[in-house]
C-alpha cells in the first residue's frame, strides 16, 4: 500500500505543476480516479480543464481523447461505426472516441440527448454496443466532463440519470491572484505540459483501484454514510434528494480518501470531506431556497452539521 500511495501523491504533485492554485480540486479528482469514478466539472471556459485532463493522462500514462460536444455530434462519433472497404469486400469497424483511458467530454450539455445517452452507456457499463456487437473500452476508463452554466447559449439541462453517473462534481473557478501571477510570469514558448513526468503506469492504477476495496469501514461509519444521504431526501430546502447510487459513491470516495491519506480505515472526517462533492450535483433545491439565494453546497454543508457523527471511540 505504502509504495502505491506515494506514487498517487506524486501524480497529484505532477499535475499541480501546471494547474496552479487548485491543489484541493486536483486531489479530489485523483481521489475519484482511484475510486474508478467519473468527474463532472461545472465551469466557465478558459480555466484549464483541457490542460488538467492532459496533465493527468501524462502523469499516469493514460491515452487521452477530447470531444467538443456540439449539437451536431452524433452517437457514432463516440461509439464508432462500420464502413465498407471495397478492397476487402466487407464492413470494417472504426473505433469511436470513447476507446481511450481518459475522455475529456467538453461542454457536454450542448449536445443532443441521443448523444448523451450513448455516453451514458459507456460511463456505466464500460462498453459500447454497435450494430449488435458489444465491445469493451480499455481499462481504466475515466471521464472528465465539463458543462457550461445553464443559461449560456445553446445549453440544456443534463438528464438526471446521466448526472447521477458522475461520482463527484466540482468547480475549478478562477485562480487566485498569486497563482495567476505565477502563471503569467511562466509563459514561454515551451509547453507547460512538458513539466509533467509520468509516475504511474496504467496497470499500477488498476492495482490501486483494487486496493481501495481493502480499506475498512466500521458499521457505525456505514450508518453515518446512509444517514447523511437519507437526510438529503428529507431536507426542507430540497425537492429531490440523493439516490442510493450516491451512497455507493460516498462509500467508494471515503475509502479512496482514506487510502490516499495512508490509512487502511475510514473516519467520519473522510466521509464529511467527500459528502459535498458526491451529492451536490445529485440534489435539486426548491423554489424557496433559490429565492433565498441558498446554494446547494450550503444546504449540503448544513446537513453535515445536523447529522450526528459517530464518536471517535468506535473507530
C-alpha atoms as a PDB file:
ATOM      1  CA  UNK A   1       0.000   0.000   0.000  1.00  0.00           C
ATOM      2  CA  UNK A   2       2.721   2.476   1.011  1.00  0.00           C
ATOM      3  CA  UNK A   3       4.567   2.464  -2.318  1.00  0.00           C
ATOM      4  CA  UNK A   4       1.378   2.921  -4.305  1.00  0.00           C
ATOM      5  CA  UNK A   5       0.176   5.763  -2.064  1.00  0.00           C
ATOM      6  CA  UNK A   6       3.420   7.636  -2.647  1.00  0.00           C
ATOM      7  CA  UNK A   7       3.048   7.165  -6.397  1.00  0.00           C
ATOM      8  CA  UNK A   8      -0.510   8.518  -6.279  1.00  0.00           C
ATOM      9  CA  UNK A   9       0.613  11.559  -4.301  1.00  0.00           C
ATOM     10  CA  UNK A  10       3.439  12.131  -6.752  1.00  0.00           C
ATOM     11  CA  UNK A  11       0.945  12.073  -9.632  1.00  0.00           C
ATOM     12  CA  UNK A  12      -1.025  14.804  -7.837  1.00  0.00           C
ATOM     13  CA  UNK A  13       2.181  16.806  -7.429  1.00  0.00           C
ATOM     14  CA  UNK A  14       2.943  16.458 -11.142  1.00  0.00           C
ATOM     15  CA  UNK A  15      -0.481  17.831 -12.112  1.00  0.00           C
ATOM     16  CA  UNK A  16      -0.062  20.698  -9.654  1.00  0.00           C
ATOM     17  CA  UNK A  17       2.980  21.809 -11.646  1.00  0.00           C
ATOM     18  CA  UNK A  18       0.700  23.036 -14.418  1.00  0.00           C
ATOM     19  CA  UNK A  19      -2.631  23.624 -12.610  1.00  0.00           C
ATOM     20  CA  UNK A  20      -1.657  26.349 -10.171  1.00  0.00           C
ATOM     21  CA  UNK A  21      -3.615  27.162  -7.025  1.00  0.00           C
ATOM     22  CA  UNK A  22      -6.105  24.291  -7.378  1.00  0.00           C
ATOM     23  CA  UNK A  23      -4.473  21.714  -5.121  1.00  0.00           C
ATOM     24  CA  UNK A  24      -7.726  20.635  -3.440  1.00  0.00           C
ATOM     25  CA  UNK A  25      -9.529  20.159  -6.753  1.00  0.00           C
ATOM     26  CA  UNK A  26      -6.628  18.162  -8.208  1.00  0.00           C
ATOM     27  CA  UNK A  27      -6.503  15.909  -5.142  1.00  0.00           C
ATOM     28  CA  UNK A  28     -10.264  15.413  -5.296  1.00  0.00           C
ATOM     29  CA  UNK A  29     -10.120  14.359  -8.946  1.00  0.00           C
ATOM     30  CA  UNK A  30      -7.301  11.922  -8.146  1.00  0.00           C
ATOM     31  CA  UNK A  31      -9.432  10.521  -5.325  1.00  0.00           C
ATOM     32  CA  UNK A  32     -12.286   9.939  -7.787  1.00  0.00           C
ATOM     33  CA  UNK A  33      -9.979   8.259 -10.292  1.00  0.00           C
ATOM     34  CA  UNK A  34      -8.689   5.912  -7.583  1.00  0.00           C
ATOM     35  CA  UNK A  35     -12.332   5.087  -6.811  1.00  0.00           C
ATOM     36  CA  UNK A  36     -12.840   4.354 -10.539  1.00  0.00           C
ATOM     37  CA  UNK A  37     -15.322   7.210 -10.874  1.00  0.00           C
ATOM     38  CA  UNK A  38     -16.138   9.917 -13.393  1.00  0.00           C
ATOM     39  CA  UNK A  39     -15.841  13.653 -12.719  1.00  0.00           C
ATOM     40  CA  UNK A  40     -18.199  16.473 -13.685  1.00  0.00           C
ATOM     41  CA  UNK A  41     -16.715  19.982 -13.856  1.00  0.00           C
ATOM     42  CA  UNK A  42     -19.305  22.749 -13.781  1.00  0.00           C
ATOM     43  CA  UNK A  43     -17.200  25.604 -15.059  1.00  0.00           C
ATOM     44  CA  UNK A  44     -16.747  28.527 -17.381  1.00  0.00           C
ATOM     45  CA  UNK A  45     -14.405  28.200 -20.397  1.00  0.00           C
ATOM     46  CA  UNK A  46     -10.732  29.011 -20.101  1.00  0.00           C
ATOM     47  CA  UNK A  47      -9.866  27.836 -16.585  1.00  0.00           C
ATOM     48  CA  UNK A  48      -7.596  24.970 -17.658  1.00  0.00           C
ATOM     49  CA  UNK A  49      -9.878  21.943 -17.900  1.00  0.00           C
ATOM     50  CA  UNK A  50      -8.215  20.545 -21.021  1.00  0.00           C
ATOM     51  CA  UNK A  51      -4.762  21.089 -19.534  1.00  0.00           C
ATOM     52  CA  UNK A  52      -5.928  19.349 -16.370  1.00  0.00           C
ATOM     53  CA  UNK A  53      -7.030  16.247 -18.279  1.00  0.00           C
ATOM     54  CA  UNK A  54      -3.847  16.142 -20.355  1.00  0.00           C
ATOM     55  CA  UNK A  55      -1.696  16.540 -17.229  1.00  0.00           C
ATOM     56  CA  UNK A  56      -3.441  13.612 -15.518  1.00  0.00           C
ATOM     57  CA  UNK A  57      -3.123  11.479 -18.637  1.00  0.00           C
ATOM     58  CA  UNK A  58       0.596  12.180 -18.874  1.00  0.00           C
ATOM     59  CA  UNK A  59       1.290  11.636 -15.170  1.00  0.00           C
ATOM     60  CA  UNK A  60      -0.468   8.245 -15.304  1.00  0.00           C
ATOM     61  CA  UNK A  61       0.444   7.229 -18.888  1.00  0.00           C
ATOM     62  CA  UNK A  62      -3.186   7.174 -19.991  1.00  0.00           C
ATOM     63  CA  UNK A  63      -4.375   7.575 -23.559  1.00  0.00           C
ATOM     64  CA  UNK A  64      -6.443  10.771 -23.567  1.00  0.00           C
ATOM     65  CA  UNK A  65      -9.014  11.933 -26.121  1.00  0.00           C
ATOM     66  CA  UNK A  66     -11.101  15.085 -26.204  1.00  0.00           C
ATOM     67  CA  UNK A  67     -14.562  15.541 -27.695  1.00  0.00           C
ATOM     68  CA  UNK A  68     -16.009  19.019 -28.132  1.00  0.00           C
ATOM     69  CA  UNK A  69     -19.730  18.440 -27.723  1.00  0.00           C
ATOM     70  CA  UNK A  70     -21.867  20.442 -30.116  1.00  0.00           C
ATOM     71  CA  UNK A  71     -25.430  19.858 -31.365  1.00  0.00           C
ATOM     72  CA  UNK A  72     -24.150  18.022 -34.454  1.00  0.00           C
ATOM     73  CA  UNK A  73     -22.034  15.440 -32.584  1.00  0.00           C
ATOM     74  CA  UNK A  74     -23.541  12.008 -33.277  1.00  0.00           C
ATOM     75  CA  UNK A  75     -23.581   8.913 -31.050  1.00  0.00           C
ATOM     76  CA  UNK A  76     -21.426   7.132 -33.634  1.00  0.00           C
ATOM     77  CA  UNK A  77     -18.715   9.750 -33.096  1.00  0.00           C
ATOM     78  CA  UNK A  78     -18.375   8.325 -29.600  1.00  0.00           C
ATOM     79  CA  UNK A  79     -19.125   4.647 -30.050  1.00  0.00           C
ATOM     80  CA  UNK A  80     -17.721   4.093 -33.546  1.00  0.00           C
ATOM     81  CA  UNK A  81     -19.205   2.841 -36.791  1.00  0.00           C
ATOM     82  CA  UNK A  82     -18.590   0.425 -39.659  1.00  0.00           C
ATOM     83  CA  UNK A  83     -17.567   1.446 -43.147  1.00  0.00           C
ATOM     84  CA  UNK A  84     -17.444  -0.681 -46.274  1.00  0.00           C
ATOM     85  CA  UNK A  85     -13.958  -1.267 -47.640  1.00  0.00           C
ATOM     86  CA  UNK A  86     -14.129  -2.204 -51.280  1.00  0.00           C
ATOM     87  CA  UNK A  87     -10.673  -3.760 -51.378  1.00  0.00           C
ATOM     88  CA  UNK A  88     -11.602  -6.123 -48.547  1.00  0.00           C
ATOM     89  CA  UNK A  89     -15.228  -6.512 -49.677  1.00  0.00           C
ATOM     90  CA  UNK A  90     -16.533  -6.224 -46.132  1.00  0.00           C
ATOM     91  CA  UNK A  91     -17.566  -3.739 -43.448  1.00  0.00           C
ATOM     92  CA  UNK A  92     -14.775  -2.748 -41.044  1.00  0.00           C
ATOM     93  CA  UNK A  93     -15.407  -1.272 -37.605  1.00  0.00           C
ATOM     94  CA  UNK A  94     -13.864   2.123 -36.863  1.00  0.00           C
ATOM     95  CA  UNK A  95     -13.486   2.746 -33.129  1.00  0.00           C
ATOM     96  CA  UNK A  96     -15.021   5.928 -31.707  1.00  0.00           C
ATOM     97  CA  UNK A  97     -13.635   8.485 -29.299  1.00  0.00           C
ATOM     98  CA  UNK A  98     -14.540   6.550 -26.154  1.00  0.00           C
ATOM     99  CA  UNK A  99     -11.875   3.947 -26.877  1.00  0.00           C
ATOM    100  CA  UNK A 100      -9.263   5.532 -24.642  1.00  0.00           C
ATOM    101  CA  UNK A 101      -8.344   5.646 -20.954  1.00  0.00           C
ATOM    102  CA  UNK A 102      -9.294   9.238 -20.174  1.00  0.00           C
ATOM    103  CA  UNK A 103     -12.037  11.020 -22.112  1.00  0.00           C
ATOM    104  CA  UNK A 104     -12.475  14.767 -21.821  1.00  0.00           C
ATOM    105  CA  UNK A 105     -16.107  15.428 -22.750  1.00  0.00           C
ATOM    106  CA  UNK A 106     -16.135  19.188 -23.192  1.00  0.00           C
ATOM    107  CA  UNK A 107     -19.377  21.182 -22.855  1.00  0.00           C
ATOM    108  CA  UNK A 108     -21.450  18.047 -22.535  1.00  0.00           C
ATOM    109  CA  UNK A 109     -24.704  19.954 -22.037  1.00  0.00           C
ATOM    110  CA  UNK A 110     -24.591  21.406 -25.565  1.00  0.00           C
ATOM    111  CA  UNK A 111     -25.181  18.144 -27.420  1.00  0.00           C
ATOM    112  CA  UNK A 112     -28.343  16.159 -28.158  1.00  0.00           C
ATOM    113  CA  UNK A 113     -29.986  13.781 -25.650  1.00  0.00           C
ATOM    114  CA  UNK A 114     -29.309  10.892 -28.047  1.00  0.00           C
ATOM    115  CA  UNK A 115     -25.569  11.520 -27.942  1.00  0.00           C
ATOM    116  CA  UNK A 116     -25.671  11.983 -24.177  1.00  0.00           C
ATOM    117  CA  UNK A 117     -27.406   8.610 -23.915  1.00  0.00           C
ATOM    118  CA  UNK A 118     -24.595   6.954 -25.882  1.00  0.00           C
ATOM    119  CA  UNK A 119     -22.067   8.390 -23.450  1.00  0.00           C
ATOM    120  CA  UNK A 120     -24.230   7.259 -20.532  1.00  0.00           C
ATOM    121  CA  UNK A 121     -23.934   3.603 -21.517  1.00  0.00           C
ATOM    122  CA  UNK A 122     -20.178   3.589 -21.757  1.00  0.00           C
ATOM    123  CA  UNK A 123     -19.796   5.521 -18.484  1.00  0.00           C
ATOM    124  CA  UNK A 124     -21.909   2.968 -16.633  1.00  0.00           C
ATOM    125  CA  UNK A 125     -21.045  -0.267 -18.420  1.00  0.00           C
ATOM    126  CA  UNK A 126     -17.517   0.482 -19.689  1.00  0.00           C
ATOM    127  CA  UNK A 127     -18.599  -0.982 -23.027  1.00  0.00           C
ATOM    128  CA  UNK A 128     -20.479   0.031 -26.167  1.00  0.00           C
ATOM    129  CA  UNK A 129     -22.943  -1.771 -28.408  1.00  0.00           C
ATOM    130  CA  UNK A 130     -22.683  -1.052 -32.124  1.00  0.00           C
ATOM    131  CA  UNK A 131     -24.662  -2.947 -34.764  1.00  0.00           C
ATOM    132  CA  UNK A 132     -25.422  -5.760 -32.351  1.00  0.00           C
ATOM    133  CA  UNK A 133     -21.807  -6.226 -31.257  1.00  0.00           C
ATOM    134  CA  UNK A 134     -20.677  -5.306 -27.727  1.00  0.00           C
ATOM    135  CA  UNK A 135     -17.132  -4.070 -27.283  1.00  0.00           C
ATOM    136  CA  UNK A 136     -15.385  -3.213 -24.025  1.00  0.00           C
ATOM    137  CA  UNK A 137     -13.432   0.034 -23.750  1.00  0.00           C
ATOM    138  CA  UNK A 138      -9.845  -0.033 -22.437  1.00  0.00           C
ATOM    139  CA  UNK A 139      -9.155  -0.244 -18.707  1.00  0.00           C
ATOM    140  CA  UNK A 140      -9.048   2.037 -16.890  1.00  0.00           C
ATOM    141  CA  UNK A 141     -11.761   4.166 -18.482  1.00  0.00           C
ATOM    142  CA  UNK A 142     -12.390   7.532 -16.847  1.00  0.00           C
ATOM    143  CA  UNK A 143     -14.393  10.574 -17.932  1.00  0.00           C
ATOM    144  CA  UNK A 144     -13.858  14.229 -17.107  1.00  0.00           C
ATOM    145  CA  UNK A 145     -16.924  16.049 -18.408  1.00  0.00           C
ATOM    146  CA  UNK A 146     -17.487  19.794 -18.370  1.00  0.00           C
ATOM    147  CA  UNK A 147     -20.765  21.611 -18.582  1.00  0.00           C
ATOM    148  CA  UNK A 148     -21.364  25.301 -19.132  1.00  0.00           C
ATOM    149  CA  UNK A 149     -23.557  27.224 -16.679  1.00  0.00           C
ATOM    150  CA  UNK A 150     -27.227  26.891 -17.613  1.00  0.00           C
ATOM    151  CA  UNK A 151     -28.454  29.925 -19.495  1.00  0.00           C
ATOM    152  CA  UNK A 152     -25.387  30.131 -21.707  1.00  0.00           C
ATOM    153  CA  UNK A 153     -26.104  29.986 -25.423  1.00  0.00           C
ATOM    154  CA  UNK A 154     -27.028  26.504 -26.604  1.00  0.00           C
ATOM    155  CA  UNK A 155     -27.043  24.801 -23.209  1.00  0.00           C
ATOM    156  CA  UNK A 156     -29.642  22.438 -21.795  1.00  0.00           C
ATOM    157  CA  UNK A 157     -30.018  20.544 -18.534  1.00  0.00           C
ATOM    158  CA  UNK A 158     -28.393  17.135 -18.372  1.00  0.00           C
ATOM    159  CA  UNK A 159     -30.782  14.219 -17.761  1.00  0.00           C
ATOM    160  CA  UNK A 160     -30.879  13.245 -14.077  1.00  0.00           C
ATOM    161  CA  UNK A 161     -29.872   9.680 -14.958  1.00  0.00           C
ATOM    162  CA  UNK A 162     -26.684  10.931 -16.575  1.00  0.00           C
ATOM    163  CA  UNK A 163     -25.783  13.370 -13.812  1.00  0.00           C
ATOM    164  CA  UNK A 164     -26.131  10.509 -11.330  1.00  0.00           C
ATOM    165  CA  UNK A 165     -23.409   8.558 -13.168  1.00  0.00           C
ATOM    166  CA  UNK A 166     -20.761  11.094 -12.205  1.00  0.00           C
ATOM    167  CA  UNK A 167     -19.123  10.132  -8.947  1.00  0.00           C
ATOM    168  CA  UNK A 168     -18.313  13.728  -7.988  1.00  0.00           C
ATOM    169  CA  UNK A 169     -18.808  17.261  -9.244  1.00  0.00           C
ATOM    170  CA  UNK A 170     -16.688  20.306  -8.553  1.00  0.00           C
ATOM    171  CA  UNK A 171     -15.732  23.689  -9.911  1.00  0.00           C
ATOM    172  CA  UNK A 172     -12.200  24.823 -10.716  1.00  0.00           C
ATOM    173  CA  UNK A 173     -13.087  28.502 -10.946  1.00  0.00           C
ATOM    174  CA  UNK A 174     -10.626  31.319 -11.439  1.00  0.00           C
ATOM    175  CA  UNK A 175      -7.144  31.030  -9.906  1.00  0.00           C
ATOM    176  CA  UNK A 176      -6.233  33.291  -7.015  1.00  0.00           C
ATOM    177  CA  UNK A 177      -4.094  36.376  -7.660  1.00  0.00           C
ATOM    178  CA  UNK A 178      -0.739  34.809  -6.737  1.00  0.00           C
ATOM    179  CA  UNK A 179      -1.388  31.690  -8.833  1.00  0.00           C
ATOM    180  CA  UNK A 180      -2.458  33.713 -11.863  1.00  0.00           C
ATOM    181  CA  UNK A 181       0.570  35.959 -11.432  1.00  0.00           C
ATOM    182  CA  UNK A 182       2.881  32.936 -11.340  1.00  0.00           C
ATOM    183  CA  UNK A 183       1.158  31.575 -14.436  1.00  0.00           C
ATOM    184  CA  UNK A 184       1.614  34.878 -16.276  1.00  0.00           C
ATOM    185  CA  UNK A 185       5.305  35.046 -15.390  1.00  0.00           C
ATOM    186  CA  UNK A 186       5.918  31.478 -16.527  1.00  0.00           C
ATOM    187  CA  UNK A 187       4.560  31.951 -20.066  1.00  0.00           C
ATOM    188  CA  UNK A 188       7.252  30.941 -22.568  1.00  0.00           C
ATOM    189  CA  UNK A 189       7.449  29.208 -25.909  1.00  0.00           C
ATOM    190  CA  UNK A 190       7.697  25.882 -24.098  1.00  0.00           C
ATOM    191  CA  UNK A 191       4.619  23.757 -23.398  1.00  0.00           C
ATOM    192  CA  UNK A 192       3.860  23.684 -19.671  1.00  0.00           C
ATOM    193  CA  UNK A 193       2.792  20.061 -20.016  1.00  0.00           C
ATOM    194  CA  UNK A 194       6.438  19.235 -20.634  1.00  0.00           C
ATOM    195  CA  UNK A 195       6.906  19.786 -16.891  1.00  0.00           C
ATOM    196  CA  UNK A 196       4.749  16.745 -16.127  1.00  0.00           C
ATOM    197  CA  UNK A 197       6.588  13.469 -15.761  1.00  0.00           C
ATOM    198  CA  UNK A 198       4.894  10.036 -15.894  1.00  0.00           C
ATOM    199  CA  UNK A 199       4.956   8.440 -12.447  1.00  0.00           C
ATOM    200  CA  UNK A 200       2.183   5.803 -12.647  1.00  0.00           C
ATOM    201  CA  UNK A 201       1.656   3.072 -15.230  1.00  0.00           C
ATOM    202  CA  UNK A 202      -1.846   2.036 -16.302  1.00  0.00           C
ATOM    203  CA  UNK A 203      -1.514  -1.374 -14.690  1.00  0.00           C
ATOM    204  CA  UNK A 204      -0.436   0.252 -11.434  1.00  0.00           C
ATOM    205  CA  UNK A 205      -3.511   2.479 -11.447  1.00  0.00           C
ATOM    206  CA  UNK A 206      -5.688  -0.607 -11.875  1.00  0.00           C
ATOM    207  CA  UNK A 207      -3.942  -2.202  -8.879  1.00  0.00           C
ATOM    208  CA  UNK A 208      -4.548   0.946  -6.840  1.00  0.00           C
ATOM    209  CA  UNK A 209      -8.241   0.851  -7.720  1.00  0.00           C
ATOM    210  CA  UNK A 210      -8.401  -2.746  -6.485  1.00  0.00           C
ATOM    211  CA  UNK A 211      -6.502  -1.857  -3.305  1.00  0.00           C
ATOM    212  CA  UNK A 212      -9.141   0.739  -2.392  1.00  0.00           C
ATOM    213  CA  UNK A 213     -11.636  -2.068  -1.702  1.00  0.00           C
ATOM    214  CA  UNK A 214      -9.445  -3.350   1.143  1.00  0.00           C
ATOM    215  CA  UNK A 215      -9.921  -0.159   3.191  1.00  0.00           C
ATOM    216  CA  UNK A 216     -12.009  -0.960   6.269  1.00  0.00           C
ATOM    217  CA  UNK A 217     -15.231   0.792   7.281  1.00  0.00           C
ATOM    218  CA  UNK A 218     -16.809   0.122  10.672  1.00  0.00           C
ATOM    219  CA  UNK A 219     -20.566  -0.434  10.853  1.00  0.00           C
ATOM    220  CA  UNK A 220     -21.129   2.853  12.689  1.00  0.00           C
ATOM    221  CA  UNK A 221     -19.429   4.749   9.862  1.00  0.00           C
ATOM    222  CA  UNK A 222     -21.540   2.893   7.293  1.00  0.00           C
ATOM    223  CA  UNK A 223     -24.619   4.023   9.215  1.00  0.00           C
ATOM    224  CA  UNK A 224     -23.308   7.585   9.225  1.00  0.00           C
ATOM    225  CA  UNK A 225     -22.930   7.479   5.437  1.00  0.00           C
ATOM    226  CA  UNK A 226     -26.501   6.279   4.979  1.00  0.00           C
ATOM    227  CA  UNK A 227     -27.848   8.849   7.466  1.00  0.00           C
ATOM    228  CA  UNK A 228     -26.198  11.667   5.520  1.00  0.00           C
ATOM    229  CA  UNK A 229     -27.668  10.533   2.210  1.00  0.00           C
ATOM    230  CA  UNK A 230     -31.123   9.936   3.691  1.00  0.00           C
ATOM    231  CA  UNK A 231     -31.033  13.446   5.209  1.00  0.00           C
ATOM    232  CA  UNK A 232     -30.923  14.924   1.692  1.00  0.00           C
ATOM    233  CA  UNK A 233     -34.273  13.279   0.947  1.00  0.00           C
ATOM    234  CA  UNK A 234     -35.932  14.877   3.970  1.00  0.00           C
ATOM    235  CA  UNK A 235     -34.393  18.342   3.875  1.00  0.00           C
ATOM    236  CA  UNK A 236     -36.984  21.151   3.598  1.00  0.00           C
ATOM    237  CA  UNK A 237     -34.876  23.071   1.051  1.00  0.00           C
ATOM    238  CA  UNK A 238     -34.518  20.186  -1.387  1.00  0.00           C
ATOM    239  CA  UNK A 239     -37.122  18.935  -3.849  1.00  0.00           C
ATOM    240  CA  UNK A 240     -35.071  15.856  -4.696  1.00  0.00           C
ATOM    241  CA  UNK A 241     -32.545  14.066  -2.530  1.00  0.00           C
ATOM    242  CA  UNK A 242     -29.623  11.854  -3.446  1.00  0.00           C
ATOM    243  CA  UNK A 243     -30.195   8.357  -4.838  1.00  0.00           C
ATOM    244  CA  UNK A 244     -28.847   5.063  -3.444  1.00  0.00           C
ATOM    245  CA  UNK A 245     -26.130   5.367  -6.091  1.00  0.00           C
ATOM    246  CA  UNK A 246     -24.870   8.339  -4.066  1.00  0.00           C
ATOM    247  CA  UNK A 247     -24.484   6.049  -1.049  1.00  0.00           C
ATOM    248  CA  UNK A 248     -22.359   3.700  -3.128  1.00  0.00           C
ATOM    249  CA  UNK A 249     -20.270   6.602  -4.422  1.00  0.00           C
ATOM    250  CA  UNK A 250     -19.777   8.044  -0.932  1.00  0.00           C
ATOM    251  CA  UNK A 251     -18.509   4.701   0.342  1.00  0.00           C
ATOM    252  CA  UNK A 252     -16.019   4.419  -2.507  1.00  0.00           C
ATOM    253  CA  UNK A 253     -14.862   8.030  -2.259  1.00  0.00           C
ATOM    254  CA  UNK A 254     -14.445   7.773   1.522  1.00  0.00           C
ATOM    255  CA  UNK A 255     -12.334   4.637   1.105  1.00  0.00           C
ATOM    256  CA  UNK A 256     -10.285   6.308  -1.603  1.00  0.00           C
ATOM    257  CA  UNK A 257      -9.699   9.431   0.514  1.00  0.00           C
ATOM    258  CA  UNK A 258      -8.579   7.312   3.470  1.00  0.00           C
ATOM    259  CA  UNK A 259      -6.269   5.279   1.217  1.00  0.00           C
ATOM    260  CA  UNK A 260      -4.715   8.423  -0.262  1.00  0.00           C
ATOM    261  CA  UNK A 261      -4.108   9.648   3.300  1.00  0.00           C
ATOM    262  CA  UNK A 262      -2.184   6.460   4.007  1.00  0.00           C
ATOM    263  CA  UNK A 263      -4.814   4.834   6.234  1.00  0.00           C
ATOM    264  CA  UNK A 264      -6.437   1.427   5.995  1.00  0.00           C
ATOM    265  CA  UNK A 265      -9.684   2.555   7.637  1.00  0.00           C
ATOM    266  CA  UNK A 266     -12.281   5.290   7.051  1.00  0.00           C
ATOM    267  CA  UNK A 267     -13.008   8.002   9.619  1.00  0.00           C
ATOM    268  CA  UNK A 268     -16.122  10.203   9.821  1.00  0.00           C
ATOM    269  CA  UNK A 269     -13.958  13.109   8.635  1.00  0.00           C
ATOM    270  CA  UNK A 270     -13.219  11.212   5.415  1.00  0.00           C
ATOM    271  CA  UNK A 271     -16.961  10.930   4.868  1.00  0.00           C
ATOM    272  CA  UNK A 272     -17.614  14.606   5.661  1.00  0.00           C
ATOM    273  CA  UNK A 273     -14.866  15.719   3.307  1.00  0.00           C
ATOM    274  CA  UNK A 274     -16.305  13.785   0.368  1.00  0.00           C
ATOM    275  CA  UNK A 275     -20.027  14.249   1.009  1.00  0.00           C
ATOM    276  CA  UNK A 276     -20.464  17.663  -0.710  1.00  0.00           C
ATOM    277  CA  UNK A 277     -18.587  16.552  -3.832  1.00  0.00           C
ATOM    278  CA  UNK A 278     -20.628  13.349  -4.085  1.00  0.00           C
ATOM    279  CA  UNK A 279     -24.168  14.669  -3.537  1.00  0.00           C
ATOM    280  CA  UNK A 280     -24.327  18.341  -4.602  1.00  0.00           C
ATOM    281  CA  UNK A 281     -24.958  17.540  -8.284  1.00  0.00           C
ATOM    282  CA  UNK A 282     -27.445  14.821  -7.319  1.00  0.00           C
ATOM    283  CA  UNK A 283     -29.892  17.014  -5.382  1.00  0.00           C
ATOM    284  CA  UNK A 284     -32.350  19.683  -6.531  1.00  0.00           C
ATOM    285  CA  UNK A 285     -33.091  22.737  -4.426  1.00  0.00           C
ATOM    286  CA  UNK A 286     -36.665  24.000  -4.175  1.00  0.00           C
ATOM    287  CA  UNK A 287     -38.024  27.383  -5.145  1.00  0.00           C
ATOM    288  CA  UNK A 288     -37.759  28.813  -1.628  1.00  0.00           C
ATOM    289  CA  UNK A 289     -34.033  28.039  -1.477  1.00  0.00           C
ATOM    290  CA  UNK A 290     -33.491  29.558  -4.913  1.00  0.00           C
ATOM    291  CA  UNK A 291     -35.333  32.731  -3.928  1.00  0.00           C
ATOM    292  CA  UNK A 292     -33.166  32.992  -0.800  1.00  0.00           C
ATOM    293  CA  UNK A 293     -30.051  32.504  -2.969  1.00  0.00           C
ATOM    294  CA  UNK A 294     -29.098  29.493  -0.874  1.00  0.00           C
ATOM    295  CA  UNK A 295     -26.748  27.316  -2.888  1.00  0.00           C
ATOM    296  CA  UNK A 296     -26.934  23.539  -2.932  1.00  0.00           C
ATOM    297  CA  UNK A 297     -23.409  23.430  -1.500  1.00  0.00           C
ATOM    298  CA  UNK A 298     -24.549  25.480   1.516  1.00  0.00           C
ATOM    299  CA  UNK A 299     -27.525  23.160   2.038  1.00  0.00           C
ATOM    300  CA  UNK A 300     -25.294  20.086   1.896  1.00  0.00           C
ATOM    301  CA  UNK A 301     -22.821  21.586   4.360  1.00  0.00           C
ATOM    302  CA  UNK A 302     -25.744  22.305   6.667  1.00  0.00           C
ATOM    303  CA  UNK A 303     -26.713  18.624   6.529  1.00  0.00           C
ATOM    304  CA  UNK A 304     -23.188  17.693   7.653  1.00  0.00           C
ATOM    305  CA  UNK A 305     -23.626  19.912  10.730  1.00  0.00           C
ATOM    306  CA  UNK A 306     -27.061  18.473  11.501  1.00  0.00           C
ATOM    307  CA  UNK A 307     -26.326  14.729  11.214  1.00  0.00           C
ATOM    308  CA  UNK A 308     -24.617  13.317  14.276  1.00  0.00           C
ATOM    309  CA  UNK A 309     -21.105  11.919  13.752  1.00  0.00           C
ATOM    310  CA  UNK A 310     -20.118   8.575  15.247  1.00  0.00           C
ATOM    311  CA  UNK A 311     -17.923   9.038  18.337  1.00  0.00           C
ATOM    312  CA  UNK A 312     -14.232   8.550  17.667  1.00  0.00           C
ATOM    313  CA  UNK A 313     -14.141   5.708  20.150  1.00  0.00           C
ATOM    314  CA  UNK A 314     -15.931   3.399  17.714  1.00  0.00           C
ATOM    315  CA  UNK A 315     -13.128   3.547  15.135  1.00  0.00           C
END
